[in-house]
């Protein structure tokens, strides 16, 4: 299962320096695929990731001074190294923080505006996924 939130800047592009400041605040590190990841301190595996909304999605650390993008994508793949609801909560918290700081609209994977109702729908989807995963694990 994939959780995805797109953040589309409303007024002006997001600068490379702003991205670096955000990733420091959100404890994200540049790692696999040249995108930023929040890593689980125990396993070192990605809890969720942040990519450039523009393909191919990667960041060039040598060019961040002049870098600009119209948006960012946060995403996670479940199962993850931590509980599914923890992943969802941390990803949504980071998305809201980024959206607030850069003045971005939060959108779902179809680029529709995320409302309180659609966020709750995503939360319920993660809960359902988690319950199905638990049942599958019990039957092994």
Protein backbone atom coordinates (compact mmCIF):
# COMPACT_ATOMS: atom_id res chain seq x y z
CA UNK A 1 0.00 0.00 0.00
CA UNK A 2 1.27 3.46 -0.92
CA UNK A 3 0.46 6.63 1.01
CA UNK A 4 1.10 9.77 -1.03
CA UNK A 5 0.66 13.50 -0.48
CA UNK A 6 1.59 16.07 -3.11
CA UNK A 7 2.44 19.60 -2.03
CA UNK A 8 1.96 22.15 -4.80
CA UNK A 9 3.31 25.64 -4.13
CA UNK A 10 0.54 28.24 -4.43
CA UNK A 11 2.46 31.42 -5.20
CA UNK A 12 6.12 30.80 -5.89
CA UNK A 13 8.39 27.82 -6.46
CA UNK A 14 10.02 26.12 -3.49
CA UNK A 15 13.74 26.90 -3.33
CA UNK A 16 16.53 24.43 -2.77
CA UNK A 17 17.51 26.26 0.42
CA UNK A 18 13.95 26.00 1.73
CA UNK A 19 14.00 22.26 1.03
CA UNK A 20 17.30 21.87 2.88
CA UNK A 21 15.93 23.84 5.84
CA UNK A 22 12.75 21.72 5.88
CA UNK A 23 14.62 18.43 5.70
CA UNK A 24 16.81 19.48 8.61
CA UNK A 25 13.75 20.45 10.69
CA UNK A 26 11.93 17.22 9.73
CA UNK A 27 14.98 15.00 10.34
CA UNK A 28 15.17 13.77 6.74
CA UNK A 29 18.36 12.66 5.02
CA UNK A 30 19.30 12.43 1.36
CA UNK A 31 19.71 8.73 0.63
CA UNK A 32 18.52 6.15 -1.92
CA UNK A 33 17.52 7.52 -5.33
CA UNK A 34 18.77 11.01 -4.36
CA UNK A 35 15.56 11.78 -2.50
CA UNK A 36 15.04 12.61 1.16
CA UNK A 37 13.98 9.97 3.68
CA UNK A 38 12.92 9.95 7.31
CA UNK A 39 14.77 6.91 8.59
CA UNK A 40 13.82 4.57 11.40
CA UNK A 41 16.61 4.97 14.00
CA UNK A 42 16.54 1.24 14.82
CA UNK A 43 16.55 -0.36 11.38
CA UNK A 44 17.89 2.52 9.28
CA UNK A 45 15.08 1.88 6.78
CA UNK A 46 12.86 4.57 5.30
CA UNK A 47 9.65 5.42 7.14
CA UNK A 48 8.60 7.86 4.42
CA UNK A 49 10.27 9.77 1.62
CA UNK A 50 10.16 13.17 -0.10
CA UNK A 51 10.78 13.62 -3.81
CA UNK A 52 10.68 16.51 -6.24
CA UNK A 53 7.22 16.62 -7.83
CA UNK A 54 8.97 17.10 -11.20
CA UNK A 55 10.29 13.90 -12.82
CA UNK A 56 12.61 12.19 -12.20
CA UNK A 57 11.96 13.33 -8.62
CA UNK A 58 15.56 13.41 -7.44
CA UNK A 59 17.60 16.24 -5.93
CA UNK A 60 21.13 17.25 -6.95
CA UNK A 61 22.85 18.41 -3.77
CA UNK A 62 25.49 20.27 -5.81
CA UNK A 63 22.76 22.38 -7.46
CA UNK A 64 20.51 23.10 -4.47
CA UNK A 65 21.63 26.74 -4.29
CA UNK A 66 19.90 27.47 -7.63
CA UNK A 67 17.24 24.76 -7.44
CA UNK A 68 13.54 25.56 -7.61
CA UNK A 69 10.49 23.30 -7.88
CA UNK A 70 6.73 23.84 -8.09
CA UNK A 71 6.14 21.12 -5.52
CA UNK A 72 7.12 18.09 -3.51
CA UNK A 73 5.73 14.59 -3.05
CA UNK A 74 5.77 12.75 0.27
CA UNK A 75 5.15 9.04 0.13
CA UNK A 76 5.46 5.83 2.09
CA UNK A 77 5.15 2.17 1.26
CA UNK A 78 3.43 -0.13 3.70
CA UNK A 79 4.36 -2.31 5.43
CA UNK A 80 7.10 -0.12 6.83
CA UNK A 81 9.73 -0.57 9.56
CA UNK A 82 7.30 1.01 12.06
CA UNK A 83 3.56 0.71 12.70
CA UNK A 84 1.33 1.73 9.75
CA UNK A 85 -0.52 4.39 11.75
CA UNK A 86 2.78 5.87 12.93
CA UNK A 87 3.87 6.15 9.30
CA UNK A 88 0.59 7.81 8.34
CA UNK A 89 0.68 10.22 11.28
CA UNK A 90 4.32 11.23 10.73
CA UNK A 91 3.87 11.66 6.97
CA UNK A 92 0.73 13.79 7.39
CA UNK A 93 2.36 15.87 10.11
CA UNK A 94 5.37 16.54 7.85
CA UNK A 95 3.08 17.35 4.90
CA UNK A 96 1.07 19.84 6.98
CA UNK A 97 4.26 21.47 8.28
CA UNK A 98 5.76 21.79 4.79
CA UNK A 99 2.46 23.07 3.41
CA UNK A 100 2.27 25.71 6.11
CA UNK A 101 5.87 26.89 5.72
CA UNK A 102 6.01 27.07 1.93
CA UNK A 103 2.37 27.97 1.31
CA UNK A 104 1.55 24.77 -0.54
CA UNK A 105 -1.73 23.05 -1.24
CA UNK A 106 -1.93 19.46 -0.02
CA UNK A 107 -3.17 17.09 -2.72
CA UNK A 108 -3.77 13.35 -3.00
CA UNK A 109 -2.13 11.07 -5.57
CA UNK A 110 -4.72 12.21 -8.17
CA UNK A 111 -3.84 15.87 -7.51
CA UNK A 112 -7.20 16.55 -5.86
CA UNK A 113 -7.11 18.90 -2.88
CA UNK A 114 -6.87 17.04 0.43
CA UNK A 115 -9.76 17.94 2.69
CA UNK A 116 -10.33 16.85 6.28
CA UNK A 117 -12.72 14.25 4.89
CA UNK A 118 -10.22 12.86 2.37
CA UNK A 119 -7.49 12.71 5.03
CA UNK A 120 -9.89 10.78 7.28
CA UNK A 121 -10.66 8.45 4.37
CA UNK A 122 -6.91 7.82 3.91
CA UNK A 123 -6.55 7.22 7.66
CA UNK A 124 -9.35 4.65 7.56
CA UNK A 125 -7.74 2.99 4.55
CA UNK A 126 -4.49 2.63 6.51
CA UNK A 127 -6.38 1.20 9.49
CA UNK A 128 -8.09 -1.34 7.20
CA UNK A 129 -4.75 -2.24 5.64
CA UNK A 130 -3.16 -2.70 9.07
CA UNK A 131 -6.00 -4.95 10.25
CA UNK A 132 -5.79 -7.10 7.09
CA UNK A 133 -2.01 -7.37 7.52
CA UNK A 134 -2.43 -8.44 11.15
CA UNK A 135 -4.96 -11.12 10.15
CA UNK A 136 -2.68 -12.40 7.40
CA UNK A 137 0.26 -12.59 9.83
CA UNK A 138 -1.86 -14.52 12.35
CA UNK A 139 -2.80 -17.12 9.75
CA UNK A 140 0.84 -17.95 8.98
